[in-house]
Amino acid sequence: MKRVHGTILALILALAALGLMYAKISRLGLPLLPHQLEQVWSVEAKIEFDANRHATVVDFDIPDRLGDYVRLDEYFISRGYGLNVGVRDQNRRAEWSTRQARGTQRLYYRLEAVPQSETEADANPKQRPPAPPAAPVYQEPMASAIQDVLGNVRDESANVFTFVSQTLVKLNALAPNDNVMIIRENIDRESEAWVERLIYVLAGANISARMVRGVILEDRSTAQHLTPWLEVHNGQRWEGFDPRTGNRGYPDNFLRWTVGDEPLLAVEGGRNYNVSFAVSRYAQSPTTVARARGEANDTFLASMMLFNLPVNTQNVYRVLLMVPLGALVVAFMRTIVGLPTLGTFMPILVAIAFRETELAWGVALFMMITAAGLSLRFYMERLQLLLVPRLCSVLVLVILLMVIISLVFGRLGIDKGFSIALFPIVILTMVIERMSVIWEESGPGQALKEGFGSLSVAILGYLVMKNEYLTHIVFLFPESLLILLGGFIIMGRYTGYRLLEVARFKDIVEAEDGTAKPHP
């Protein structure tokens, strides 16, 4: 029953860890592999106008909700202008102002955005449905033309969206009839005026519609302008329609910029003003993007990321979070393989020191200190000291040996000798003391066996703890340590033969299996 309980607990821990990891990947876009890159779009709006040496105020509509994209950051670039960002008529507006300006003026607004995940799109708050517009009072012959078009469409549609789609198809017909020609009035169907005309026509059927402007995210060397689009509300949600074809949906890579027919740009104290847009794309680390995406959405998962800690603290946790992986190596080698070590956590601490000294130099310095300290420990045995004073004496000798090695290596111009100070001196002291006791009680063979076993486990622990992929996973997903905890619980219930014991007691194992050969 206890074995089943441990297995269930380990399974629950693993599922909880995997669930949290999946949530971070799906909602924040955290990468499973290091060195992955995510595409970030940069949109720059350039405002140009001629100032007339008077007080100047520039009012510019900046995006709030970006549709299928999430704003990572935004920058306001100007010189000699004050800046105020606020909300007016449910739209964000940037207002630059200066006491006096002369000549050609240029102001810049830059936006960085990435595609939002499906979960973020689902989490967008639902807006209150707008009130149906009052039917305009059309003048003839516009009134008769709109009435005939809407009357014909009403018989060919089933709901609001199909009604709008059919209306747009008729109004954009390649061979328009007289009614459509009257409604068009030679309006350029690529312009905002055409979208405004469509809204005007649909109001005759009490359909709520509005204009949205957006940027098509494509790498372009030339400046572009906002693309006007039509949005219609059916009482439950807004749906986009192509004002030139009647097709439902939005253009590919469409970043919403403004909503409504408010002017995009207004300049007081200037003339010949114009705004153009430039789009570029660059690669960014997904961890940086995920952090910014989480801050933009203010999610609980983002607040639990280690990136929110100071950089020095982050570096500490990059090491500490790898310690359980080193413990996994120790537990596996001792419980499953059966390799003896000098203590449980000594190999882990030595492996941490190897991370700073590099493996080859770390092994050489470890063996040098241990051999010299063991020799001095045997000499001190003749003094017949008590345990605690003896350990303190060995500690002093270990520190003196480390100082001497550093000085000698410094004279030789070998910088790696300085890294010996990173070794855990207390652990080295206990290693020397433990090896000397085993040497006296079980002989030099057993002492060297456990010493080299500890060194082997430390090397394996270093290779695991230094692995870039594992470091990436554990730092971004600390909950993955729950999987290790479940593994330790399962491993703690193991009562079978260790691998080295299978070789050592081969005859006994074969006898239990009934495969032992009879002795002559």
Protein backbone atom coordinates (compact mmCIF):
# COMPACT_ATOMS: atom_id res chain seq x y z
CA MET A 1 0.00 0.00 0.00
CA LYS A 2 2.88 2.37 0.88
CA ARG A 3 4.52 1.64 -2.49
CA VAL A 4 1.30 2.58 -4.30
CA HIS A 5 0.99 5.74 -2.21
CA GLY A 6 4.54 6.81 -3.14
CA THR A 7 3.91 6.11 -6.83
CA ILE A 8 0.69 8.14 -6.83
CA LEU A 9 2.39 11.03 -5.05
CA ALA A 10 5.25 11.01 -7.56
CA LEU A 11 2.75 10.97 -10.43
CA ILE A 12 0.82 13.93 -8.97
CA LEU A 13 4.02 15.95 -8.58
CA ALA A 14 5.07 15.20 -12.15
CA LEU A 15 1.66 16.14 -13.57
CA ALA A 16 1.62 19.39 -11.58
CA ALA A 17 5.06 20.32 -12.90
CA LEU A 18 4.17 19.47 -16.50
CA GLY A 19 0.92 21.45 -16.20
CA LEU A 20 2.73 24.58 -15.03
CA MET A 21 5.34 24.16 -17.74
CA TYR A 22 2.66 23.83 -20.42
CA ALA A 23 0.90 26.95 -19.13
CA LYS A 24 4.13 28.96 -19.35
CA ILE A 25 4.86 27.69 -22.85
CA SER A 26 1.35 28.28 -24.20
CA ARG A 27 0.59 31.60 -22.48
CA LEU A 28 4.00 33.26 -22.34
CA GLY A 29 5.77 31.52 -25.20
CA LEU A 30 8.74 30.37 -23.12
CA PRO A 31 11.12 28.26 -25.26
CA LEU A 32 12.04 24.69 -24.47
CA LEU A 33 15.38 24.99 -26.26
CA PRO A 34 18.09 27.58 -25.61
CA HIS A 35 19.18 29.97 -28.36
CA GLN A 36 15.76 29.94 -30.01
CA LEU A 37 14.72 33.22 -31.60
CA GLU A 38 11.31 34.82 -32.01
CA GLN A 39 10.39 37.37 -34.63
CA VAL A 40 9.55 40.84 -33.32
CA TRP A 41 7.91 43.47 -35.50
CA SER A 42 9.00 47.08 -35.21
CA VAL A 43 6.63 49.74 -36.60
CA GLU A 44 7.80 53.33 -36.75
CA ALA A 45 5.49 56.27 -37.43
CA LYS A 46 7.26 59.38 -38.72
CA ILE A 47 5.40 62.68 -38.39
CA GLU A 48 6.60 65.57 -40.54
CA PHE A 49 5.31 69.14 -40.74
CA ASP A 50 6.45 72.71 -41.26
CA ALA A 51 6.36 74.89 -38.14
CA ASN A 52 5.58 78.61 -38.33
CA ARG A 53 7.54 79.81 -35.27
CA HIS A 54 4.50 79.70 -32.97
CA ALA A 55 3.47 77.41 -30.16
CA THR A 56 2.93 73.97 -31.65
CA VAL A 57 0.77 71.06 -30.47
CA VAL A 58 0.85 67.69 -32.27
CA ASP A 59 -1.98 65.26 -31.48
CA PHE A 60 -1.41 61.70 -32.74
CA ASP A 61 -3.53 58.56 -32.34
CA ILE A 62 -1.44 55.67 -30.99
CA PRO A 63 -2.60 52.05 -30.74
CA ASP A 64 -4.21 50.50 -27.70
CA ARG A 65 -5.35 46.99 -28.63
CA LEU A 66 -3.38 45.55 -31.49
CA GLY A 67 -5.70 42.77 -32.60
CA ASP A 68 -3.68 39.57 -32.98
CA TYR A 69 -0.52 41.20 -31.58
CA VAL A 70 0.83 42.17 -28.18
CA ARG A 71 2.73 45.37 -27.56
CA LEU A 72 6.15 44.72 -26.05
CA ASP A 73 7.38 48.27 -25.86
CA GLU A 74 6.92 51.71 -27.34
CA TYR A 75 9.19 54.71 -27.76
CA PHE A 76 8.52 58.42 -28.28
CA ILE A 77 11.38 60.18 -30.04
CA SER A 78 11.44 63.98 -30.20
CA ARG A 79 13.71 66.86 -29.33
CA GLY A 80 12.57 69.95 -27.51
CA TYR A 81 8.98 68.75 -27.15
CA GLY A 82 6.97 67.90 -24.07
CA LEU A 83 4.97 64.67 -24.18
CA ASN A 84 1.63 63.68 -22.69
CA VAL A 85 -0.04 60.31 -23.32
CA GLY A 86 -3.73 60.00 -22.45
CA VAL A 87 -7.06 58.53 -23.48
CA ARG A 88 -9.73 60.47 -25.35
CA ASP A 89 -12.93 58.94 -26.72
CA GLN A 90 -11.58 55.47 -25.79
CA ASN A 91 -8.48 56.03 -27.96
CA ARG A 92 -4.93 56.57 -26.77
CA ARG A 93 -3.48 59.84 -27.96
CA ALA A 94 0.06 61.17 -27.80
CA GLU A 95 0.37 64.93 -27.51
CA TRP A 96 3.68 66.67 -28.22
CA SER A 97 3.96 70.37 -27.46
CA THR A 98 6.59 73.07 -27.64
CA ARG A 99 6.67 76.81 -27.07
CA GLN A 100 8.33 77.65 -30.37
CA ALA A 101 9.40 75.65 -33.43
CA ARG A 102 10.68 76.65 -36.83
CA GLY A 103 11.34 74.86 -40.09
CA THR A 104 10.70 71.22 -40.88
CA GLN A 105 9.87 69.17 -37.78
CA ARG A 106 10.08 65.39 -37.37
CA LEU A 107 8.60 63.35 -34.54
CA TYR A 108 8.77 59.58 -34.21
CA TYR A 109 6.71 56.94 -32.48
CA ARG A 110 8.02 53.38 -32.49
CA LEU A 111 6.10 50.27 -31.50
CA GLU A 112 7.44 46.75 -30.97
CA ALA A 113 4.97 43.87 -31.08
CA VAL A 114 4.78 40.08 -31.34
CA PRO A 115 1.88 37.77 -32.21
CA GLN A 116 -0.25 36.92 -29.23
CA SER A 117 -1.07 33.36 -28.25
CA GLU A 118 -4.54 31.85 -28.59
CA THR A 119 -5.00 31.95 -24.83
CA GLU A 120 -4.24 35.66 -24.79
CA ALA A 121 -6.75 36.24 -27.58
CA ASP A 122 -9.38 34.32 -25.65
CA ALA A 123 -8.61 36.37 -22.54
CA ASN A 124 -9.37 39.71 -24.20
CA PRO A 125 -12.23 41.40 -22.33
CA LYS A 126 -15.57 41.54 -24.12
CA GLN A 127 -16.80 45.02 -24.87
CA ARG A 128 -20.33 46.25 -24.29
CA PRO A 129 -22.29 46.02 -27.56
CA PRO A 130 -22.87 49.43 -29.16
CA ALA A 131 -26.35 50.87 -29.53
CA PRO A 132 -27.80 50.46 -33.05
CA PRO A 133 -27.31 53.64 -35.07
CA ALA A 134 -30.26 55.79 -36.02
CA ALA A 135 -31.13 55.61 -39.70
CA PRO A 136 -29.75 58.68 -41.49
CA VAL A 137 -32.02 60.99 -43.44
CA TYR A 138 -30.84 60.34 -47.00
CA GLN A 139 -31.36 62.86 -49.75
CA GLU A 140 -32.56 61.89 -53.18
CA PRO A 141 -31.41 60.21 -55.33
CA MET A 142 -29.18 58.64 -52.65
CA ALA A 143 -32.20 57.61 -50.57
CA SER A 144 -33.81 55.60 -53.37
CA ALA A 145 -30.51 53.99 -54.36
CA ILE A 146 -29.68 52.84 -50.82
CA GLN A 147 -33.24 51.65 -50.21
CA ASP A 148 -33.21 49.52 -53.37
CA VAL A 149 -29.79 47.99 -52.62
CA LEU A 150 -30.60 47.16 -48.99
CA GLY A 151 -34.02 45.79 -49.97
CA ASN A 152 -32.49 43.38 -52.49
CA VAL A 153 -29.79 42.25 -50.06
CA ARG A 154 -32.28 41.59 -47.26
CA ASP A 155 -33.90 38.79 -49.26
CA GLU A 156 -30.50 37.19 -50.02
CA SER A 157 -29.07 37.13 -46.47
CA ALA A 158 -29.69 35.21 -43.27
CA ASN A 159 -28.05 37.31 -40.54
CA VAL A 160 -26.15 40.53 -39.98
CA PHE A 161 -22.81 39.27 -41.24
CA THR A 162 -24.19 37.71 -44.43
CA PHE A 163 -26.24 40.88 -44.98
CA VAL A 164 -23.09 43.01 -44.79
CA SER A 165 -21.11 40.64 -46.99
CA GLN A 166 -23.77 40.64 -49.71
CA THR A 167 -24.08 44.42 -49.52
CA LEU A 168 -20.35 44.89 -50.02
CA VAL A 169 -20.34 42.44 -52.94
CA LYS A 170 -23.04 44.44 -54.72
CA LEU A 171 -21.42 47.80 -53.99
CA ASN A 172 -18.07 46.56 -55.34
CA ALA A 173 -19.49 44.88 -58.45
CA LEU A 174 -17.38 45.14 -61.58
CA ALA A 175 -20.51 45.98 -63.58
CA PRO A 176 -22.47 48.22 -61.21
CA ASN A 177 -26.05 49.24 -61.86
CA ASP A 178 -27.36 52.78 -61.58
CA ASN A 179 -28.08 52.52 -57.85
CA VAL A 180 -24.53 51.37 -57.08
CA MET A 181 -23.07 54.12 -59.27
CA ILE A 182 -25.01 56.71 -57.29
CA ILE A 183 -23.75 55.30 -53.99
CA ARG A 184 -20.15 55.14 -55.19
CA GLU A 185 -20.00 58.74 -56.43
CA ASN A 186 -16.56 58.05 -57.94
CA ILE A 187 -15.09 57.43 -54.47
CA ASP A 188 -11.73 55.64 -54.46
CA ARG A 189 -12.47 52.25 -52.95
CA GLU A 190 -8.96 52.09 -51.46
CA SER A 191 -9.58 55.19 -49.38
CA GLU A 192 -11.03 55.89 -45.96
CA ALA A 193 -13.85 57.81 -47.64
CA TRP A 194 -15.12 54.52 -49.09
CA VAL A 195 -15.25 52.89 -45.66
CA GLU A 196 -17.10 55.93 -44.32
CA ARG A 197 -19.58 55.62 -47.19
CA LEU A 198 -20.16 51.92 -46.35
CA ILE A 199 -20.83 52.82 -42.71
CA TYR A 200 -23.25 55.48 -43.90
CA VAL A 201 -25.11 52.94 -46.08
CA LEU A 202 -25.26 50.21 -43.41
CA ALA A 203 -26.68 52.69 -40.91
CA GLY A 204 -29.82 52.63 -43.09
CA ALA A 205 -30.28 49.01 -41.96
CA ASN A 206 -29.55 49.92 -38.30
CA ILE A 207 -26.26 47.98 -38.42
CA SER A 208 -23.44 49.16 -36.14
CA ALA A 209 -20.25 49.57 -38.12
CA ARG A 210 -16.97 51.39 -37.66
CA MET A 211 -13.67 51.96 -39.39
CA VAL A 212 -10.39 50.52 -38.15
CA ARG A 213 -7.00 51.42 -39.51
CA GLY A 214 -4.04 49.12 -39.37
CA VAL A 215 -0.53 48.44 -40.60
CA ILE A 216 0.26 45.45 -42.81
CA LEU A 217 3.36 43.91 -41.23
CA GLU A 218 5.67 43.32 -44.16
CA ASP A 219 9.33 44.22 -44.52
CA ARG A 220 9.31 47.25 -46.80
CA SER A 221 12.03 49.68 -47.76
CA THR A 222 9.45 52.32 -48.70
CA ALA A 223 7.03 54.16 -46.44
CA GLN A 224 3.45 52.99 -46.23
CA HIS A 225 0.19 54.33 -44.85
CA LEU A 226 -2.53 52.81 -42.70
CA THR A 227 -4.97 50.41 -44.36
CA PRO A 228 -8.64 51.23 -43.67
CA TRP A 229 -10.91 48.30 -42.83
CA LEU A 230 -14.58 47.82 -41.97
CA GLU A 231 -15.82 46.30 -38.71
CA VAL A 232 -19.43 45.28 -38.09
CA HIS A 233 -21.15 44.29 -34.84
CA ASN A 234 -23.89 41.65 -34.89
CA GLY A 235 -25.00 42.20 -31.29
CA GLN A 236 -22.40 39.80 -29.86
CA ARG A 237 -19.02 40.55 -31.41
CA TRP A 238 -17.14 42.65 -33.93
CA GLU A 239 -16.18 41.11 -37.26
CA GLY A 240 -13.90 42.56 -39.92
CA PHE A 241 -14.85 42.87 -43.59
CA ASP A 242 -12.77 43.76 -46.60
CA PRO A 243 -14.39 47.00 -47.87
CA ARG A 244 -13.36 46.19 -51.45
CA THR A 245 -14.59 42.59 -51.71
CA GLY A 246 -16.92 41.84 -48.79
CA ASN A 247 -14.75 38.94 -47.56
CA ARG A 248 -14.91 38.37 -43.83
CA GLY A 249 -11.81 38.57 -41.67
CA TYR A 250 -8.71 40.71 -41.62
CA PRO A 251 -5.61 40.89 -43.79
CA ASP A 252 -2.67 38.70 -42.94
CA ASN A 253 -0.31 40.33 -40.44
CA PHE A 254 -2.81 43.12 -39.74
CA LEU A 255 -1.80 45.24 -36.72
CA ARG A 256 -4.72 47.41 -35.56
CA TRP A 257 -3.73 51.01 -35.04
CA THR A 258 -6.87 53.10 -34.63
CA VAL A 259 -10.61 52.53 -34.19
CA GLY A 260 -13.22 55.02 -35.34
CA ASP A 261 -13.17 57.96 -37.70
CA GLU A 262 -11.24 60.35 -35.47
CA PRO A 263 -8.38 62.01 -37.38
CA LEU A 264 -5.10 60.14 -37.08
CA LEU A 265 -3.03 63.32 -36.82
CA ALA A 266 -3.78 66.93 -35.94
CA VAL A 267 -1.19 69.70 -35.81
CA GLU A 268 -1.81 73.09 -34.26
CA GLY A 269 0.76 75.70 -35.22
CA GLY A 270 2.04 73.80 -38.27
CA ARG A 271 1.17 73.08 -41.87
CA ASN A 272 1.84 70.48 -44.57
CA TYR A 273 1.76 67.75 -41.96
CA ASN A 274 2.01 64.09 -42.92
CA VAL A 275 2.57 60.73 -41.24
CA SER A 276 4.16 57.65 -42.80
CA PHE A 277 4.93 54.21 -41.43
CA ALA A 278 7.96 51.95 -41.78
CA VAL A 279 7.96 48.27 -40.79
CA SER A 280 10.94 46.06 -39.99
CA ARG A 281 11.46 42.71 -38.37
CA TYR A 282 14.24 41.40 -36.16
CA ALA A 283 14.97 38.33 -34.05
CA GLN A 284 14.79 38.47 -30.28
CA SER A 285 15.31 35.97 -27.48
CA PRO A 286 12.00 34.26 -26.62
CA THR A 287 12.72 34.66 -22.92
CA THR A 288 12.89 38.43 -23.37
CA VAL A 289 9.72 38.37 -25.45
CA ALA A 290 7.93 36.15 -22.93
CA ARG A 291 8.87 38.47 -20.09
CA ALA A 292 7.61 41.52 -21.96
CA ARG A 293 4.46 39.67 -23.06
CA GLY A 294 3.74 38.68 -19.48
CA GLU A 295 4.25 42.25 -18.25
CA ALA A 296 1.97 43.55 -20.99
CA ASN A 297 -0.79 41.16 -19.93
CA ASP A 298 0.00 41.34 -16.18
CA THR A 299 -0.41 37.59 -15.78
CA PHE A 300 0.22 35.64 -12.59
CA LEU A 301 2.64 33.35 -14.43
CA ALA A 302 4.77 36.31 -15.48
CA SER A 303 5.01 37.50 -11.87
CA MET A 304 6.42 34.11 -10.88
CA MET A 305 9.29 34.18 -13.38
CA LEU A 306 12.81 34.38 -11.97
CA PHE A 307 13.57 37.20 -14.41
CA ASN A 308 11.77 39.52 -11.98
CA LEU A 309 14.57 39.07 -9.44
CA PRO A 310 17.74 41.21 -9.39
CA VAL A 311 20.44 40.01 -11.77
CA ASN A 312 22.80 38.95 -8.98
CA THR A 313 20.04 36.88 -7.39
CA GLN A 314 19.23 35.33 -10.77
CA ASN A 315 22.84 34.20 -11.11
CA VAL A 316 22.72 32.61 -7.65
CA TYR A 317 19.58 30.65 -8.54
CA ARG A 318 21.10 29.52 -11.82
CA VAL A 319 23.53 27.54 -9.66
CA LEU A 320 21.23 26.57 -6.80
CA LEU A 321 18.53 25.18 -9.07
CA MET A 322 21.08 22.81 -10.60
CA VAL A 323 21.99 21.29 -7.23
CA PRO A 324 18.99 18.88 -7.27
CA LEU A 325 20.21 17.57 -10.64
CA GLY A 326 23.57 16.87 -9.07
CA ALA A 327 21.73 15.16 -6.21
CA LEU A 328 19.94 13.02 -8.79
CA VAL A 329 23.30 11.82 -10.09
CA VAL A 330 24.44 10.98 -6.55
CA ALA A 331 21.20 9.17 -5.73
CA PHE A 332 21.28 7.16 -8.95
CA MET A 333 24.95 6.20 -8.63
CA ARG A 334 24.57 5.14 -5.00
CA THR A 335 21.09 3.60 -5.05
CA ILE A 336 20.94 2.00 -8.49
CA VAL A 337 24.59 1.56 -9.49
CA GLY A 338 25.96 1.04 -5.98
CA LEU A 339 29.06 3.24 -6.31
CA PRO A 340 30.36 4.28 -2.84
CA THR A 341 31.12 7.93 -2.14
CA LEU A 342 32.61 9.88 0.75
CA GLY A 343 29.40 11.38 2.05
CA THR A 344 26.18 12.20 0.25
CA PHE A 345 26.56 15.81 -0.81
CA MET A 346 30.33 16.05 -1.10
CA PRO A 347 30.35 15.17 -4.83
CA ILE A 348 27.70 17.83 -5.51
CA LEU A 349 29.69 20.60 -3.81
CA VAL A 350 32.85 19.56 -5.62
CA ALA A 351 30.92 19.54 -8.91
CA ILE A 352 29.79 23.13 -8.20
CA ALA A 353 33.44 24.09 -7.72
CA PHE A 354 34.26 22.39 -11.05
CA ARG A 355 31.76 24.75 -12.74
CA GLU A 356 34.09 27.65 -11.92
CA THR A 357 37.49 25.99 -12.35
CA GLU A 358 36.63 23.91 -15.46
CA LEU A 359 36.77 20.15 -15.27
CA ALA A 360 40.40 19.27 -16.01
CA TRP A 361 41.89 21.87 -13.70
CA GLY A 362 39.29 21.14 -11.06
CA VAL A 363 40.10 17.42 -10.98
CA ALA A 364 43.84 18.12 -10.86
CA LEU A 365 43.52 20.63 -8.02
CA PHE A 366 41.14 18.38 -6.08
CA MET A 367 43.51 15.42 -6.29
CA MET A 368 46.48 17.62 -5.38
CA ILE A 369 44.83 19.04 -2.27
CA THR A 370 43.45 15.66 -1.18
CA ALA A 371 46.78 13.85 -1.58
CA ALA A 372 48.77 16.54 0.24
CA GLY A 373 46.15 16.85 2.98
CA LEU A 374 45.99 13.07 3.46
CA SER A 375 49.77 12.93 3.92
CA LEU A 376 49.67 15.68 6.54
CA ARG A 377 46.72 13.95 8.22
CA PHE A 378 48.74 10.75 8.64
CA TYR A 379 51.56 12.77 10.20
CA MET A 380 49.17 14.37 12.67
CA GLU A 381 47.90 10.92 13.64
CA ARG A 382 51.11 10.50 15.64
CA LEU A 383 50.09 13.43 17.83
CA GLN A 384 46.97 11.52 18.96
CA LEU A 385 44.70 14.56 18.99
CA LEU A 386 41.03 14.56 19.91
CA LEU A 387 38.51 14.56 17.04
CA VAL A 388 37.41 18.20 17.01
CA PRO A 389 40.91 19.74 17.44
CA ARG A 390 42.18 17.31 14.81
CA LEU A 391 39.53 18.39 12.31
CA CYS A 392 40.31 22.05 12.99
CA SER A 393 44.00 21.35 12.46
CA VAL A 394 43.29 19.67 9.13
CA LEU A 395 41.12 22.65 8.16
CA VAL A 396 44.03 25.02 8.80
CA LEU A 397 46.37 22.81 6.78
CA VAL A 398 43.91 22.67 3.87
CA ILE A 399 43.69 26.47 3.77
CA LEU A 400 47.48 26.78 3.93
CA LEU A 401 47.83 24.28 1.09
CA MET A 402 45.37 26.26 -1.01
CA VAL A 403 47.32 29.47 -0.35
CA ILE A 404 50.62 27.82 -1.27
CA ILE A 405 49.20 26.37 -4.50
CA SER A 406 47.80 29.76 -5.47
CA LEU A 407 51.14 31.46 -4.81
CA VAL A 408 53.11 28.85 -6.74
CA PHE A 409 50.73 28.93 -9.70
CA GLY A 410 50.83 32.73 -9.61
CA ARG A 411 54.64 32.68 -9.87
CA LEU A 412 54.34 30.33 -12.82
CA GLY A 413 51.80 32.59 -14.51
CA ILE A 414 48.99 30.00 -14.40
CA ASP A 415 45.73 31.81 -13.66
CA LYS A 416 43.75 28.63 -13.07
CA GLY A 417 45.58 28.13 -9.78
CA PHE A 418 43.70 31.09 -8.32
CA SER A 419 40.36 29.31 -8.77
CA ILE A 420 41.31 26.79 -6.08
CA ALA A 421 39.89 29.29 -3.59
CA LEU A 422 36.44 28.33 -4.89
CA PHE A 423 36.74 24.80 -3.49
CA PRO A 424 34.60 24.06 -0.40
CA ILE A 425 37.29 23.92 2.28
CA VAL A 426 35.08 22.29 4.92
CA ILE A 427 34.13 19.53 2.50
CA LEU A 428 37.79 18.98 1.57
CA THR A 429 38.60 18.75 5.27
CA MET A 430 35.92 16.11 5.80
CA VAL A 431 37.06 14.19 2.70
CA ILE A 432 40.60 14.01 4.02
CA GLU A 433 39.43 12.97 7.48
CA ARG A 434 37.01 10.38 6.09
CA MET A 435 39.59 8.85 3.75
CA SER A 436 42.16 8.60 6.55
CA VAL A 437 39.69 6.79 8.81
CA ILE A 438 38.70 4.34 6.05
CA TRP A 439 42.41 3.84 5.27
CA GLU A 440 43.06 2.80 8.87
CA GLU A 441 39.92 0.68 9.27
CA SER A 442 39.49 -1.00 5.85
CA GLY A 443 42.83 -0.49 4.17
CA PRO A 444 44.11 1.80 1.40
CA GLY A 445 42.20 -0.08 -1.29
CA GLN A 446 38.77 0.77 0.14
CA ALA A 447 39.81 4.37 0.85
CA LEU A 448 41.02 4.92 -2.71
CA LYS A 449 37.91 3.17 -4.05
CA GLU A 450 35.58 5.54 -2.23
CA GLY A 451 37.77 8.53 -3.07
CA PHE A 452 37.78 7.80 -6.79
CA GLY A 453 34.09 6.91 -6.59
CA SER A 454 33.36 10.34 -5.13
CA LEU A 455 35.50 12.00 -7.80
CA SER A 456 33.71 10.06 -10.56
CA VAL A 457 30.29 11.09 -9.24
CA ALA A 458 31.48 14.70 -8.97
CA ILE A 459 32.59 14.62 -12.62
CA LEU A 460 29.22 13.19 -13.73
CA GLY A 461 27.44 15.78 -11.59
CA TYR A 462 29.49 18.53 -13.21
CA LEU A 463 28.59 17.31 -16.72
CA VAL A 464 24.90 17.30 -15.80
CA MET A 465 24.92 20.61 -13.94
CA LYS A 466 26.90 22.30 -16.71
CA ASN A 467 24.55 21.11 -19.44
CA GLU A 468 23.19 24.19 -21.18
CA TYR A 469 19.85 22.61 -22.07
CA LEU A 470 19.15 21.44 -18.51
CA THR A 471 20.21 24.80 -17.07
CA HIS A 472 17.82 26.52 -19.47
CA ILE A 473 14.89 24.25 -18.55
CA VAL A 474 15.36 24.41 -14.78
CA PHE A 475 15.81 28.19 -14.68
CA LEU A 476 12.78 28.96 -16.85
CA PHE A 477 10.68 26.19 -15.30
CA PRO A 478 11.68 25.79 -11.62
CA GLU A 479 8.56 23.66 -11.17
CA SER A 480 10.37 20.94 -13.12
CA LEU A 481 12.12 20.14 -9.83
CA LEU A 482 8.84 18.56 -8.73
CA ILE A 483 9.52 15.88 -11.34
CA LEU A 484 12.89 15.26 -9.67
CA LEU A 485 11.14 15.07 -6.30
CA GLY A 486 8.81 12.41 -7.68
CA GLY A 487 11.83 10.57 -9.08
CA PHE A 488 13.52 10.60 -5.66
CA ILE A 489 10.35 9.18 -4.09
CA ILE A 490 10.27 6.35 -6.63
CA MET A 491 14.00 5.75 -6.23
CA GLY A 492 13.62 5.70 -2.46
CA ARG A 493 11.29 2.69 -2.75
CA TYR A 494 13.83 0.68 -4.75
CA THR A 495 14.91 -2.54 -2.95
CA GLY A 496 16.48 -4.51 -5.79
CA TYR A 497 20.10 -5.34 -6.53
CA ARG A 498 22.48 -2.53 -7.33
CA LEU A 499 24.30 -2.90 -10.63
CA LEU A 500 27.70 -3.36 -9.02
CA GLU A 501 26.18 -5.90 -6.62
CA VAL A 502 24.89 -7.93 -9.56
CA ALA A 503 28.46 -8.35 -10.78
CA ARG A 504 29.79 -8.92 -7.27
CA PHE A 505 27.18 -11.51 -6.28
CA LYS A 506 26.73 -13.02 -9.73
CA ASP A 507 26.69 -16.57 -8.44
CA ILE A 508 24.01 -15.81 -5.84
CA VAL A 509 21.83 -14.04 -8.40
CA GLU A 510 22.13 -16.94 -10.82
CA ALA A 511 21.27 -19.38 -8.03
CA GLU A 512 18.11 -17.43 -7.25
CA ASP A 513 17.17 -17.52 -10.93
CA GLY A 514 17.98 -21.24 -11.17
CA THR A 515 20.69 -20.66 -13.78
CA ALA A 516 23.80 -21.29 -11.67
CA LYS A 517 26.16 -23.92 -13.05
CA PRO A 518 27.13 -26.77 -10.66
CA HIS A 519 30.71 -26.71 -9.45
CA PRO A 520 32.83 -29.76 -10.43
